[in-house]
Amino acid sequence: MKRDHLNINGSDKRRELRMFGSKWIAKNLVYLYFLIFLAMLYIANAHYTEKKVRKIDNLSKELRELNWQYMSLKSEVIHQGTYTRMSRDVALYQLTNSGKPPRFISGSKKK
């Protein structure tokens, strides 16, 4: 009786090993192809995501650089627009400020 019990266990192990044989693979080939397809899709998605992250990082660096250029140009324009800077630049052309407010010149309207 003990031997029968051992033989059953031994045959169960052999049956389990045979279960993953060529017949099992042929029977489940569609599912294996599907799993391979999912793995390839997962890898492609990971590559695509990494590419997008790198692009976003490069664009963010470029945006920071452009922002610094904008701020420096803006401060330069503001500095050039001050009254003292403009009066100094206009003095090169021998123009002066009379101190009077500007006059409005109106033209006659033709009807």
N, C-alpha and C. Protein backbone atom coordinates (compact mmCIF):
# COMPACT_ATOMS: atom_id res chain seq x y z
N MET A 1 0.80 -1.18 0.00
CA MET A 1 0.00 0.00 0.00
C MET A 1 0.85 1.25 0.00
N LYS A 2 1.93 1.20 0.72
CA LYS A 2 2.82 2.34 0.72
C LYS A 2 3.40 2.56 -0.67
N ARG A 3 3.70 1.47 -1.34
CA ARG A 3 4.28 1.59 -2.67
C ARG A 3 3.29 2.23 -3.64
N ASP A 4 2.03 1.88 -3.56
CA ASP A 4 1.03 2.48 -4.44
C ASP A 4 0.96 3.98 -4.20
N HIS A 5 1.03 4.35 -2.96
CA HIS A 5 0.98 5.76 -2.62
C HIS A 5 2.20 6.50 -3.18
N LEU A 6 3.38 5.87 -3.14
CA LEU A 6 4.58 6.48 -3.69
C LEU A 6 4.51 6.56 -5.21
N ASN A 7 3.99 5.53 -5.83
CA ASN A 7 3.88 5.54 -7.28
C ASN A 7 2.93 6.62 -7.76
N ILE A 8 1.87 6.84 -7.03
CA ILE A 8 0.92 7.89 -7.41
C ILE A 8 1.60 9.25 -7.34
N ASN A 9 2.34 9.47 -6.26
CA ASN A 9 3.05 10.75 -6.13
C ASN A 9 4.11 10.89 -7.21
N GLY A 10 4.82 9.83 -7.50
CA GLY A 10 5.84 9.87 -8.54
C GLY A 10 5.23 10.13 -9.90
N SER A 11 4.10 9.52 -10.18
CA SER A 11 3.46 9.75 -11.47
C SER A 11 2.86 11.15 -11.53
N ASP A 12 2.43 11.69 -10.40
CA ASP A 12 1.91 13.06 -10.38
C ASP A 12 3.02 14.05 -10.75
N LYS A 13 4.20 13.79 -10.24
CA LYS A 13 5.32 14.68 -10.56
C LYS A 13 5.66 14.60 -12.03
N ARG A 14 5.66 13.38 -12.56
CA ARG A 14 5.93 13.23 -13.99
C ARG A 14 4.84 13.89 -14.82
N ARG A 15 3.62 13.78 -14.39
CA ARG A 15 2.50 14.39 -15.10
C ARG A 15 2.65 15.92 -15.09
N GLU A 16 3.08 16.47 -13.96
CA GLU A 16 3.29 17.92 -13.88
C GLU A 16 4.41 18.35 -14.81
N LEU A 17 5.48 17.57 -14.90
CA LEU A 17 6.58 17.92 -15.78
C LEU A 17 6.15 17.82 -17.24
N ARG A 18 5.33 16.81 -17.54
CA ARG A 18 4.85 16.65 -18.90
C ARG A 18 3.86 17.76 -19.27
N MET A 19 3.24 18.33 -18.28
CA MET A 19 2.25 19.37 -18.54
C MET A 19 2.90 20.59 -19.21
N PHE A 20 4.15 20.84 -18.91
CA PHE A 20 4.86 21.96 -19.51
C PHE A 20 5.68 21.52 -20.72
N GLY A 21 5.31 20.46 -21.34
CA GLY A 21 6.02 19.94 -22.51
C GLY A 21 5.54 20.61 -23.78
N SER A 22 5.90 19.99 -24.91
CA SER A 22 5.60 20.57 -26.22
C SER A 22 4.10 20.61 -26.51
N LYS A 23 3.36 19.62 -26.01
CA LYS A 23 1.91 19.63 -26.24
C LYS A 23 1.26 20.81 -25.54
N TRP A 24 1.71 21.06 -24.33
CA TRP A 24 1.14 22.18 -23.56
C TRP A 24 1.47 23.51 -24.24
N ILE A 25 2.71 23.62 -24.73
CA ILE A 25 3.11 24.84 -25.42
C ILE A 25 2.31 25.02 -26.69
N ALA A 26 2.14 23.95 -27.47
CA ALA A 26 1.36 24.04 -28.69
C ALA A 26 -0.09 24.39 -28.40
N LYS A 27 -0.62 23.83 -27.34
CA LYS A 27 -2.01 24.09 -26.97
C LYS A 27 -2.21 25.56 -26.56
N ASN A 28 -1.21 26.13 -25.89
CA ASN A 28 -1.33 27.49 -25.37
C ASN A 28 -0.48 28.50 -26.14
N LEU A 29 -0.19 28.21 -27.38
CA LEU A 29 0.66 29.08 -28.19
C LEU A 29 0.04 30.46 -28.39
N VAL A 30 -1.24 30.52 -28.56
CA VAL A 30 -1.93 31.81 -28.74
C VAL A 30 -1.72 32.68 -27.51
N TYR A 31 -1.86 32.09 -26.34
CA TYR A 31 -1.68 32.86 -25.10
C TYR A 31 -0.22 33.30 -24.93
N LEU A 32 0.71 32.43 -25.33
CA LEU A 32 2.13 32.82 -25.24
C LEU A 32 2.44 33.97 -26.18
N TYR A 33 1.88 33.93 -27.40
CA TYR A 33 2.07 35.05 -28.33
C TYR A 33 1.47 36.33 -27.75
N PHE A 34 0.33 36.21 -27.13
CA PHE A 34 -0.30 37.37 -26.52
C PHE A 34 0.57 37.94 -25.40
N LEU A 35 1.15 37.08 -24.58
CA LEU A 35 2.04 37.54 -23.51
C LEU A 35 3.30 38.20 -24.07
N ILE A 36 3.83 37.62 -25.15
CA ILE A 36 5.00 38.22 -25.79
C ILE A 36 4.65 39.59 -26.36
N PHE A 37 3.47 39.68 -26.98
CA PHE A 37 3.01 40.97 -27.51
C PHE A 37 2.86 42.00 -26.40
N LEU A 38 2.30 41.61 -25.27
CA LEU A 38 2.16 42.54 -24.14
C LEU A 38 3.52 42.98 -23.61
N ALA A 39 4.47 42.08 -23.56
CA ALA A 39 5.82 42.43 -23.10
C ALA A 39 6.47 43.43 -24.05
N MET A 40 6.31 43.20 -25.36
CA MET A 40 6.87 44.13 -26.35
C MET A 40 6.19 45.49 -26.24
N LEU A 41 4.90 45.49 -26.04
CA LEU A 41 4.16 46.74 -25.88
C LEU A 41 4.63 47.49 -24.63
N TYR A 42 4.87 46.78 -23.56
CA TYR A 42 5.35 47.37 -22.32
C TYR A 42 6.74 48.00 -22.52
N ILE A 43 7.62 47.30 -23.21
CA ILE A 43 8.97 47.82 -23.46
C ILE A 43 8.91 49.04 -24.37
N ALA A 44 8.09 48.98 -25.41
CA ALA A 44 7.96 50.13 -26.32
C ALA A 44 7.40 51.34 -25.58
N ASN A 45 6.44 51.12 -24.71
CA ASN A 45 5.87 52.22 -23.94
C ASN A 45 6.91 52.83 -23.00
N ALA A 46 7.75 52.01 -22.41
CA ALA A 46 8.80 52.51 -21.53
C ALA A 46 9.80 53.37 -22.31
N HIS A 47 10.19 52.92 -23.51
CA HIS A 47 11.11 53.70 -24.34
C HIS A 47 10.48 55.03 -24.76
N TYR A 48 9.21 54.98 -25.15
CA TYR A 48 8.50 56.19 -25.57
C TYR A 48 8.41 57.18 -24.43
N THR A 49 8.12 56.70 -23.23
CA THR A 49 8.01 57.56 -22.06
C THR A 49 9.35 58.20 -21.71
N GLU A 50 10.42 57.41 -21.76
CA GLU A 50 11.75 57.95 -21.46
C GLU A 50 12.14 59.02 -22.48
N LYS A 51 11.79 58.80 -23.75
CA LYS A 51 12.09 59.78 -24.79
C LYS A 51 11.34 61.08 -24.52
N LYS A 52 10.08 60.97 -24.14
CA LYS A 52 9.28 62.17 -23.83
C LYS A 52 9.83 62.90 -22.61
N VAL A 53 10.26 62.17 -21.60
CA VAL A 53 10.80 62.79 -20.39
C VAL A 53 12.08 63.54 -20.72
N ARG A 54 12.94 62.94 -21.56
CA ARG A 54 14.16 63.63 -21.97
C ARG A 54 13.84 64.90 -22.75
N LYS A 55 12.86 64.82 -23.64
CA LYS A 55 12.47 65.99 -24.43
C LYS A 55 11.92 67.10 -23.52
N ILE A 56 11.10 66.73 -22.55
CA ILE A 56 10.54 67.70 -21.62
C ILE A 56 11.66 68.35 -20.82
N ASP A 57 12.64 67.57 -20.39
CA ASP A 57 13.77 68.10 -19.63
C ASP A 57 14.57 69.10 -20.47
N ASN A 58 14.83 68.75 -21.73
CA ASN A 58 15.57 69.66 -22.61
C ASN A 58 14.78 70.94 -22.86
N LEU A 59 13.48 70.82 -23.07
CA LEU A 59 12.65 72.01 -23.29
C LEU A 59 12.58 72.88 -22.05
N SER A 60 12.56 72.28 -20.89
CA SER A 60 12.53 73.06 -19.66
C SER A 60 13.84 73.81 -19.46
N LYS A 61 14.98 73.19 -19.79
CA LYS A 61 16.27 73.89 -19.73
C LYS A 61 16.30 75.05 -20.71
N GLU A 62 15.80 74.81 -21.93
CA GLU A 62 15.77 75.87 -22.94
C GLU A 62 14.84 77.00 -22.50
N LEU A 63 13.73 76.67 -21.88
CA LEU A 63 12.79 77.68 -21.40
C LEU A 63 13.43 78.54 -20.31
N ARG A 64 14.16 77.93 -19.40
CA ARG A 64 14.85 78.69 -18.35
C ARG A 64 15.88 79.64 -18.96
N GLU A 65 16.62 79.16 -19.96
CA GLU A 65 17.62 80.01 -20.62
C GLU A 65 16.95 81.18 -21.33
N LEU A 66 15.86 80.90 -22.04
CA LEU A 66 15.15 81.98 -22.73
C LEU A 66 14.53 82.96 -21.74
N ASN A 67 14.09 82.46 -20.59
CA ASN A 67 13.54 83.34 -19.57
C ASN A 67 14.61 84.28 -19.03
N TRP A 68 15.83 83.76 -18.82
CA TRP A 68 16.93 84.62 -18.38
C TRP A 68 17.27 85.67 -19.43
N GLN A 69 17.28 85.29 -20.70
CA GLN A 69 17.54 86.25 -21.77
C GLN A 69 16.46 87.33 -21.80
N TYR A 70 15.22 86.91 -21.65
CA TYR A 70 14.10 87.87 -21.65
C TYR A 70 14.24 88.85 -20.49
N MET A 71 14.56 88.35 -19.30
CA MET A 71 14.69 89.23 -18.14
C MET A 71 15.84 90.22 -18.32
N SER A 72 16.97 89.76 -18.86
CA SER A 72 18.10 90.67 -19.06
C SER A 72 17.78 91.72 -20.12
N LEU A 73 17.13 91.32 -21.22
CA LEU A 73 16.74 92.28 -22.24
C LEU A 73 15.71 93.27 -21.72
N LYS A 74 14.77 92.79 -20.93
CA LYS A 74 13.75 93.66 -20.36
C LYS A 74 14.37 94.69 -19.43
N SER A 75 15.30 94.26 -18.59
CA SER A 75 15.94 95.22 -17.69
C SER A 75 16.78 96.24 -18.48
N GLU A 76 17.40 95.81 -19.56
CA GLU A 76 18.18 96.73 -20.41
C GLU A 76 17.26 97.76 -21.06
N VAL A 77 16.11 97.32 -21.56
CA VAL A 77 15.16 98.26 -22.18
C VAL A 77 14.62 99.24 -21.15
N ILE A 78 14.31 98.76 -19.97
CA ILE A 78 13.83 99.65 -18.91
C ILE A 78 14.91 100.66 -18.54
N HIS A 79 16.16 100.19 -18.47
CA HIS A 79 17.27 101.10 -18.14
C HIS A 79 17.45 102.15 -19.23
N GLN A 80 17.32 101.74 -20.49
CA GLN A 80 17.48 102.69 -21.60
C GLN A 80 16.32 103.69 -21.65
N GLY A 81 15.18 103.33 -21.11
CA GLY A 81 14.01 104.20 -21.16
C GLY A 81 13.94 105.22 -20.03
N THR A 82 14.91 105.24 -19.14
CA THR A 82 14.87 106.21 -18.05
C THR A 82 15.16 107.61 -18.59
N TYR A 83 14.68 108.61 -17.87
CA TYR A 83 14.81 109.99 -18.32
C TYR A 83 16.27 110.41 -18.45
N THR A 84 17.08 110.06 -17.48
CA THR A 84 18.49 110.48 -17.53
C THR A 84 19.23 109.82 -18.68
N ARG A 85 18.95 108.56 -18.91
CA ARG A 85 19.62 107.85 -20.02
C ARG A 85 19.18 108.42 -21.36
N MET A 86 17.88 108.72 -21.50
CA MET A 86 17.39 109.27 -22.76
C MET A 86 17.94 110.68 -22.98
N SER A 87 18.00 111.49 -21.92
CA SER A 87 18.52 112.85 -22.09
C SER A 87 19.99 112.82 -22.48
N ARG A 88 20.75 111.88 -21.96
CA ARG A 88 22.16 111.75 -22.32
C ARG A 88 22.31 111.30 -23.77
N ASP A 89 21.46 110.35 -24.20
CA ASP A 89 21.54 109.88 -25.59
C ASP A 89 21.09 110.97 -26.57
N VAL A 90 20.10 111.77 -26.18
CA VAL A 90 19.60 112.84 -27.06
C VAL A 90 20.62 113.97 -27.13
N ALA A 91 21.37 114.18 -26.07
CA ALA A 91 22.39 115.24 -26.06
C ALA A 91 23.45 114.99 -27.12
N LEU A 92 23.67 113.76 -27.49
CA LEU A 92 24.64 113.46 -28.55
C LEU A 92 24.23 114.11 -29.88
N TYR A 93 22.94 114.24 -30.09
CA TYR A 93 22.42 114.86 -31.31
C TYR A 93 22.16 116.36 -31.11
N GLN A 94 22.61 116.93 -30.01
CA GLN A 94 22.48 118.34 -29.65
C GLN A 94 21.02 118.77 -29.57
N LEU A 95 20.20 117.90 -29.04
CA LEU A 95 18.80 118.23 -28.77
C LEU A 95 18.67 118.44 -27.28
N THR A 96 17.82 119.38 -26.91
CA THR A 96 17.64 119.66 -25.48
C THR A 96 16.16 119.67 -25.14
N ASN A 97 15.90 119.60 -23.87
CA ASN A 97 14.54 119.66 -23.36
C ASN A 97 14.28 121.09 -22.92
N SER A 98 13.23 121.69 -23.44
CA SER A 98 12.94 123.08 -23.10
C SER A 98 12.27 123.20 -21.75
N GLY A 99 11.78 122.14 -21.22
CA GLY A 99 11.11 122.17 -19.93
C GLY A 99 9.63 122.46 -20.04
N LYS A 100 9.15 122.80 -21.22
CA LYS A 100 7.73 123.07 -21.43
C LYS A 100 7.02 121.76 -21.79
N PRO A 101 5.74 121.67 -21.41
CA PRO A 101 5.02 120.46 -21.81
C PRO A 101 4.81 120.42 -23.32
N PRO A 102 4.63 119.27 -23.89
CA PRO A 102 4.43 119.18 -25.34
C PRO A 102 3.10 119.81 -25.75
N ARG A 103 3.07 120.30 -26.99
CA ARG A 103 1.85 120.92 -27.50
C ARG A 103 1.13 119.93 -28.40
N PHE A 104 -0.19 120.06 -28.39
CA PHE A 104 -1.01 119.22 -29.26
C PHE A 104 -1.25 119.97 -30.55
N ILE A 105 -0.93 119.39 -31.65
CA ILE A 105 -1.12 120.02 -32.95
C ILE A 105 -2.33 119.37 -33.59
N SER A 106 -3.29 120.20 -33.91
CA SER A 106 -4.49 119.65 -34.55
C SER A 106 -4.55 120.16 -35.97
N GLY A 107 -4.98 119.29 -36.83
CA GLY A 107 -5.12 119.66 -38.23
C GLY A 107 -6.57 119.94 -38.53
N SER A 108 -6.82 120.70 -39.57
CA SER A 108 -8.21 121.00 -39.93
C SER A 108 -8.79 119.78 -40.65
N LYS A 109 -10.02 119.52 -40.34
CA LYS A 109 -10.69 118.38 -40.96
C LYS A 109 -11.38 118.85 -42.23
N LYS A 110 -11.21 118.14 -43.28
CA LYS A 110 -11.88 118.44 -44.54
C LYS A 110 -13.14 117.64 -44.61
N LYS A 111 -14.20 118.31 -44.97
CA LYS A 111 -15.49 117.64 -45.07
C LYS A 111 -15.85 117.30 -46.47
